[in-house]
Amino acid sequence: MGLKPYLLLACLCVSSGVLAKNGSVKISVGQEGNYRIVNVTGLADELTVNKVMVNRNQCNPSLSNPNEAYTLKFGATQSYRYMLYNSMSGKRYHCDVVEIVVETDQGAWTFTPTS
């Protein structure tokens, strides 16, 4: 069988940027300018997201992040932004994502980045 299947699997995992997924949501993390971005994508036909908590609320959230429950359709994505650097004050914020908790009407899940 060789190493080819394992190498292919490793490449797919590294290139996808997906931290985790389950039957209802998929999570990905990135960076955009001065912000860490956490994307929540719906994998169910209709999903109510009640709360998303990053690093046990230790990251500095953007004021534009949802703070009320919302409905996420299949394939739709909601982004959450967490400030890393405030260019007005020069202050830096630590937000290396190590845990994401998503609470929905279909259950709660904890996601952790893979190394």
N, C-alpha and C. Protein backbone atom coordinates (compact mmCIF):
# COMPACT_ATOMS: atom_id res chain seq x y z
N MET A 1 0.84 -1.20 0.00
CA MET A 1 0.00 0.00 0.00
C MET A 1 0.87 1.24 0.00
N GLY A 2 1.95 1.27 0.73
CA GLY A 2 2.88 2.39 0.68
C GLY A 2 2.44 3.60 1.47
N LEU A 3 3.18 4.67 1.30
CA LEU A 3 2.92 5.91 2.04
C LEU A 3 2.00 6.87 1.31
N LYS A 4 1.70 6.65 0.03
CA LYS A 4 0.90 7.61 -0.74
C LYS A 4 -0.43 7.97 -0.10
N PRO A 5 -1.24 7.00 0.34
CA PRO A 5 -2.52 7.38 0.95
C PRO A 5 -2.34 8.24 2.20
N TYR A 6 -1.32 7.95 3.00
CA TYR A 6 -1.09 8.72 4.21
C TYR A 6 -0.60 10.13 3.90
N LEU A 7 0.26 10.25 2.89
CA LEU A 7 0.74 11.57 2.49
C LEU A 7 -0.40 12.41 1.93
N LEU A 8 -1.26 11.80 1.13
CA LEU A 8 -2.41 12.52 0.58
C LEU A 8 -3.32 13.00 1.69
N LEU A 9 -3.59 12.14 2.65
CA LEU A 9 -4.44 12.52 3.78
C LEU A 9 -3.81 13.66 4.58
N ALA A 10 -2.51 13.59 4.83
CA ALA A 10 -1.81 14.65 5.56
C ALA A 10 -1.89 15.96 4.80
N CYS A 11 -1.72 15.96 3.50
CA CYS A 11 -1.79 17.18 2.70
C CYS A 11 -3.18 17.79 2.75
N LEU A 12 -4.21 16.96 2.65
CA LEU A 12 -5.57 17.47 2.71
C LEU A 12 -5.87 18.12 4.05
N CYS A 13 -5.40 17.52 5.14
CA CYS A 13 -5.65 18.07 6.47
C CYS A 13 -4.94 19.40 6.66
N VAL A 14 -3.73 19.53 6.18
CA VAL A 14 -2.96 20.76 6.37
C VAL A 14 -3.50 21.87 5.49
N SER A 15 -3.91 21.58 4.26
CA SER A 15 -4.30 22.63 3.34
C SER A 15 -5.72 23.13 3.53
N SER A 16 -6.56 22.38 4.24
CA SER A 16 -7.96 22.76 4.33
C SER A 16 -8.21 23.94 5.25
N GLY A 17 -7.42 24.12 6.29
CA GLY A 17 -7.65 25.20 7.23
C GLY A 17 -8.79 24.91 8.18
N VAL A 18 -9.42 23.77 8.05
CA VAL A 18 -10.55 23.42 8.90
C VAL A 18 -10.02 22.87 10.21
N LEU A 19 -10.49 23.44 11.30
CA LEU A 19 -10.10 22.93 12.61
C LEU A 19 -10.88 21.68 12.93
N ALA A 20 -12.18 21.73 12.72
CA ALA A 20 -13.01 20.58 13.07
C ALA A 20 -14.39 20.74 12.47
N LYS A 21 -15.08 19.63 12.37
CA LYS A 21 -16.48 19.69 11.98
C LYS A 21 -17.20 18.51 12.59
N ASN A 22 -18.51 18.67 12.70
CA ASN A 22 -19.35 17.58 13.17
C ASN A 22 -20.55 17.56 12.26
N GLY A 23 -21.63 16.93 12.65
CA GLY A 23 -22.80 16.86 11.80
C GLY A 23 -23.50 18.18 11.58
N SER A 24 -23.25 19.20 12.39
CA SER A 24 -24.01 20.44 12.30
C SER A 24 -23.19 21.67 11.93
N VAL A 25 -21.92 21.73 12.33
CA VAL A 25 -21.10 22.93 12.04
C VAL A 25 -19.68 22.54 11.65
N LYS A 26 -19.05 23.45 10.91
CA LYS A 26 -17.64 23.35 10.56
C LYS A 26 -16.98 24.64 11.03
N ILE A 27 -15.80 24.55 11.60
CA ILE A 27 -15.08 25.70 12.13
C ILE A 27 -13.77 25.87 11.38
N SER A 28 -13.45 27.11 11.02
CA SER A 28 -12.13 27.42 10.46
C SER A 28 -11.64 28.71 11.09
N VAL A 29 -10.32 28.86 11.15
CA VAL A 29 -9.70 30.03 11.77
C VAL A 29 -8.69 30.63 10.80
N GLY A 30 -8.66 31.95 10.75
CA GLY A 30 -7.70 32.64 9.90
C GLY A 30 -7.36 33.99 10.50
N GLN A 31 -6.72 34.81 9.71
CA GLN A 31 -6.38 36.16 10.16
C GLN A 31 -6.64 37.13 9.02
N GLU A 32 -7.19 38.28 9.37
CA GLU A 32 -7.47 39.33 8.41
C GLU A 32 -7.03 40.65 9.04
N GLY A 33 -5.94 41.20 8.55
CA GLY A 33 -5.43 42.44 9.10
C GLY A 33 -5.09 42.30 10.58
N ASN A 34 -5.69 43.15 11.41
CA ASN A 34 -5.44 43.15 12.85
C ASN A 34 -6.37 42.22 13.63
N TYR A 35 -7.06 41.32 12.93
CA TYR A 35 -8.06 40.47 13.58
C TYR A 35 -7.82 38.99 13.32
N ARG A 36 -8.07 38.16 14.35
CA ARG A 36 -8.16 36.72 14.20
C ARG A 36 -9.61 36.47 13.82
N ILE A 37 -9.85 35.65 12.81
CA ILE A 37 -11.19 35.37 12.32
C ILE A 37 -11.55 33.92 12.61
N VAL A 38 -12.72 33.71 13.22
CA VAL A 38 -13.26 32.37 13.44
C VAL A 38 -14.55 32.28 12.62
N ASN A 39 -14.59 31.34 11.69
CA ASN A 39 -15.75 31.14 10.82
C ASN A 39 -16.54 29.92 11.28
N VAL A 40 -17.84 30.10 11.40
CA VAL A 40 -18.75 29.01 11.74
C VAL A 40 -19.64 28.78 10.52
N THR A 41 -19.58 27.58 9.94
CA THR A 41 -20.36 27.25 8.74
C THR A 41 -21.37 26.18 9.08
N GLY A 42 -22.62 26.41 8.66
CA GLY A 42 -23.69 25.45 8.93
C GLY A 42 -23.62 24.23 8.04
N LEU A 43 -23.75 23.05 8.64
CA LEU A 43 -23.79 21.79 7.90
C LEU A 43 -25.14 21.11 8.05
N ALA A 44 -26.06 21.76 8.74
CA ALA A 44 -27.43 21.25 8.89
C ALA A 44 -28.34 22.15 8.05
N ASP A 45 -29.54 21.65 7.71
CA ASP A 45 -30.46 22.45 6.90
C ASP A 45 -30.79 23.78 7.56
N GLU A 46 -31.00 23.75 8.85
CA GLU A 46 -31.27 24.97 9.61
C GLU A 46 -30.76 24.77 11.03
N LEU A 47 -29.98 25.70 11.50
CA LEU A 47 -29.32 25.58 12.78
C LEU A 47 -29.41 26.91 13.50
N THR A 48 -29.80 26.90 14.76
CA THR A 48 -29.79 28.12 15.57
C THR A 48 -28.53 28.12 16.41
N VAL A 49 -27.68 29.11 16.19
CA VAL A 49 -26.45 29.26 16.96
C VAL A 49 -26.77 30.19 18.12
N ASN A 50 -26.63 29.69 19.33
CA ASN A 50 -26.93 30.49 20.53
C ASN A 50 -25.72 31.26 21.02
N LYS A 51 -24.53 30.63 20.92
CA LYS A 51 -23.34 31.27 21.47
C LYS A 51 -22.09 30.64 20.86
N VAL A 52 -21.08 31.46 20.61
CA VAL A 52 -19.76 30.99 20.20
C VAL A 52 -18.77 31.61 21.18
N MET A 53 -17.98 30.75 21.83
CA MET A 53 -17.02 31.23 22.83
C MET A 53 -15.62 30.77 22.41
N VAL A 54 -14.71 31.73 22.27
CA VAL A 54 -13.33 31.44 21.87
C VAL A 54 -12.42 31.63 23.08
N ASN A 55 -11.60 30.62 23.34
CA ASN A 55 -10.64 30.66 24.45
C ASN A 55 -11.30 31.07 25.78
N ARG A 56 -12.47 30.51 26.03
CA ARG A 56 -13.20 30.79 27.28
C ARG A 56 -13.38 32.29 27.51
N ASN A 57 -13.67 32.99 26.41
CA ASN A 57 -13.89 34.45 26.37
C ASN A 57 -12.66 35.26 26.76
N GLN A 58 -11.47 34.72 26.52
CA GLN A 58 -10.24 35.44 26.84
C GLN A 58 -9.74 36.31 25.69
N CYS A 59 -10.31 36.15 24.48
CA CYS A 59 -9.92 37.01 23.35
C CYS A 59 -10.76 38.27 23.34
N ASN A 60 -10.25 39.32 22.72
CA ASN A 60 -10.92 40.62 22.67
C ASN A 60 -11.85 40.67 21.46
N PRO A 61 -13.17 40.48 21.66
CA PRO A 61 -14.10 40.39 20.53
C PRO A 61 -14.38 41.74 19.87
N SER A 62 -14.68 41.69 18.59
CA SER A 62 -15.11 42.87 17.86
C SER A 62 -16.55 43.21 18.28
N LEU A 63 -16.88 44.48 18.24
CA LEU A 63 -18.25 44.89 18.58
C LEU A 63 -19.26 44.40 17.55
N SER A 64 -18.78 44.02 16.35
CA SER A 64 -19.68 43.55 15.31
C SER A 64 -20.02 42.06 15.43
N ASN A 65 -19.40 41.35 16.39
CA ASN A 65 -19.72 39.93 16.57
C ASN A 65 -21.16 39.77 17.04
N PRO A 66 -21.85 38.73 16.56
CA PRO A 66 -23.23 38.50 17.02
C PRO A 66 -23.27 38.27 18.53
N ASN A 67 -24.24 38.90 19.19
CA ASN A 67 -24.39 38.67 20.63
C ASN A 67 -25.78 38.14 20.97
N GLU A 68 -26.53 37.78 19.93
CA GLU A 68 -27.83 37.15 20.10
C GLU A 68 -27.88 35.91 19.21
N ALA A 69 -28.80 35.00 19.52
CA ALA A 69 -28.95 33.79 18.71
C ALA A 69 -29.32 34.16 17.28
N TYR A 70 -28.87 33.34 16.33
CA TYR A 70 -29.19 33.55 14.92
C TYR A 70 -29.32 32.20 14.23
N THR A 71 -29.98 32.20 13.06
CA THR A 71 -30.17 30.99 12.29
C THR A 71 -29.13 30.91 11.19
N LEU A 72 -28.55 29.74 11.05
CA LEU A 72 -27.53 29.50 10.03
C LEU A 72 -28.05 28.39 9.12
N LYS A 73 -28.20 28.68 7.83
CA LYS A 73 -28.66 27.70 6.84
C LYS A 73 -27.48 26.85 6.39
N PHE A 74 -27.75 25.75 5.72
CA PHE A 74 -26.71 24.88 5.21
C PHE A 74 -25.79 25.65 4.27
N GLY A 75 -24.49 25.59 4.53
CA GLY A 75 -23.50 26.24 3.69
C GLY A 75 -23.25 27.70 4.01
N ALA A 76 -24.08 28.30 4.85
CA ALA A 76 -23.89 29.71 5.22
C ALA A 76 -22.83 29.81 6.32
N THR A 77 -22.09 30.93 6.30
CA THR A 77 -21.00 31.13 7.26
C THR A 77 -21.19 32.44 8.01
N GLN A 78 -20.97 32.39 9.31
CA GLN A 78 -20.94 33.59 10.15
C GLN A 78 -19.52 33.74 10.67
N SER A 79 -18.95 34.94 10.52
CA SER A 79 -17.59 35.19 10.99
C SER A 79 -17.59 35.93 12.31
N TYR A 80 -16.62 35.57 13.15
CA TYR A 80 -16.38 36.25 14.42
C TYR A 80 -14.98 36.82 14.36
N ARG A 81 -14.83 38.07 14.79
CA ARG A 81 -13.54 38.76 14.73
C ARG A 81 -13.03 39.04 16.14
N TYR A 82 -11.71 38.83 16.32
CA TYR A 82 -11.08 39.07 17.62
C TYR A 82 -9.82 39.91 17.39
N MET A 83 -9.79 41.08 18.03
CA MET A 83 -8.71 42.03 17.80
C MET A 83 -7.36 41.51 18.30
N LEU A 84 -6.36 41.66 17.44
CA LEU A 84 -4.98 41.31 17.79
C LEU A 84 -4.15 42.55 18.06
N TYR A 85 -4.50 43.65 17.37
CA TYR A 85 -3.72 44.89 17.48
C TYR A 85 -4.64 46.09 17.26
N ASN A 86 -4.58 47.06 18.16
CA ASN A 86 -5.35 48.29 18.02
C ASN A 86 -4.41 49.37 17.50
N SER A 87 -4.58 49.75 16.24
CA SER A 87 -3.67 50.72 15.63
C SER A 87 -3.82 52.12 16.21
N MET A 88 -4.95 52.43 16.84
CA MET A 88 -5.15 53.74 17.45
C MET A 88 -4.34 53.87 18.75
N SER A 89 -4.37 52.84 19.58
CA SER A 89 -3.70 52.90 20.88
C SER A 89 -2.32 52.22 20.86
N GLY A 90 -2.08 51.40 19.84
CA GLY A 90 -0.83 50.65 19.78
C GLY A 90 -0.82 49.42 20.67
N LYS A 91 -1.98 49.08 21.25
CA LYS A 91 -2.06 47.94 22.16
C LYS A 91 -2.21 46.63 21.39
N ARG A 92 -1.50 45.61 21.84
CA ARG A 92 -1.58 44.27 21.25
C ARG A 92 -2.38 43.35 22.18
N TYR A 93 -3.11 42.42 21.56
CA TYR A 93 -3.93 41.46 22.30
C TYR A 93 -3.52 40.05 21.89
N HIS A 94 -3.44 39.15 22.86
CA HIS A 94 -3.08 37.76 22.60
C HIS A 94 -4.35 36.97 22.28
N CYS A 95 -4.37 36.30 21.13
CA CYS A 95 -5.53 35.46 20.79
C CYS A 95 -5.09 34.34 19.86
N ASP A 96 -4.32 33.40 20.39
CA ASP A 96 -4.03 32.17 19.66
C ASP A 96 -5.14 31.21 20.01
N VAL A 97 -5.94 30.85 19.03
CA VAL A 97 -7.14 30.07 19.29
C VAL A 97 -6.76 28.64 19.69
N VAL A 98 -7.14 28.26 20.90
CA VAL A 98 -6.89 26.90 21.39
C VAL A 98 -8.19 26.15 21.70
N GLU A 99 -9.31 26.89 21.80
CA GLU A 99 -10.59 26.24 22.07
C GLU A 99 -11.73 27.11 21.56
N ILE A 100 -12.69 26.46 20.91
CA ILE A 100 -13.90 27.14 20.43
C ILE A 100 -15.09 26.30 20.87
N VAL A 101 -16.02 26.91 21.59
CA VAL A 101 -17.24 26.22 22.01
C VAL A 101 -18.40 26.83 21.24
N VAL A 102 -19.17 25.98 20.56
CA VAL A 102 -20.34 26.43 19.80
C VAL A 102 -21.57 25.80 20.43
N GLU A 103 -22.48 26.64 20.91
CA GLU A 103 -23.73 26.18 21.50
C GLU A 103 -24.86 26.44 20.51
N THR A 104 -25.61 25.37 20.16
CA THR A 104 -26.69 25.47 19.19
C THR A 104 -27.95 24.80 19.72
N ASP A 105 -29.02 24.88 18.94
CA ASP A 105 -30.25 24.18 19.31
C ASP A 105 -30.12 22.68 19.11
N GLN A 106 -29.04 22.23 18.46
CA GLN A 106 -28.83 20.80 18.22
C GLN A 106 -27.72 20.22 19.11
N GLY A 107 -27.25 21.03 20.06
CA GLY A 107 -26.22 20.56 20.97
C GLY A 107 -25.07 21.55 21.07
N ALA A 108 -24.14 21.24 21.93
CA ALA A 108 -22.94 22.09 22.11
C ALA A 108 -21.72 21.25 21.79
N TRP A 109 -20.74 21.88 21.10
CA TRP A 109 -19.52 21.18 20.71
C TRP A 109 -18.31 22.02 21.04
N THR A 110 -17.24 21.35 21.41
CA THR A 110 -15.97 22.00 21.67
C THR A 110 -14.99 21.58 20.59
N PHE A 111 -14.36 22.58 19.96
CA PHE A 111 -13.40 22.35 18.90
C PHE A 111 -12.03 22.81 19.37
N THR A 112 -11.00 22.08 19.01
CA THR A 112 -9.63 22.49 19.30
C THR A 112 -8.81 22.37 18.03
N PRO A 113 -7.90 23.33 17.80
CA PRO A 113 -7.06 23.26 16.60
C PRO A 113 -6.20 22.01 16.63
N THR A 114 -5.93 21.50 15.45
CA THR A 114 -5.02 20.36 15.35
C THR A 114 -3.65 20.87 14.95
N SER A 115 -2.60 20.25 15.47
CA SER A 115 -1.25 20.68 15.16
C SER A 115 -0.70 19.90 14.01
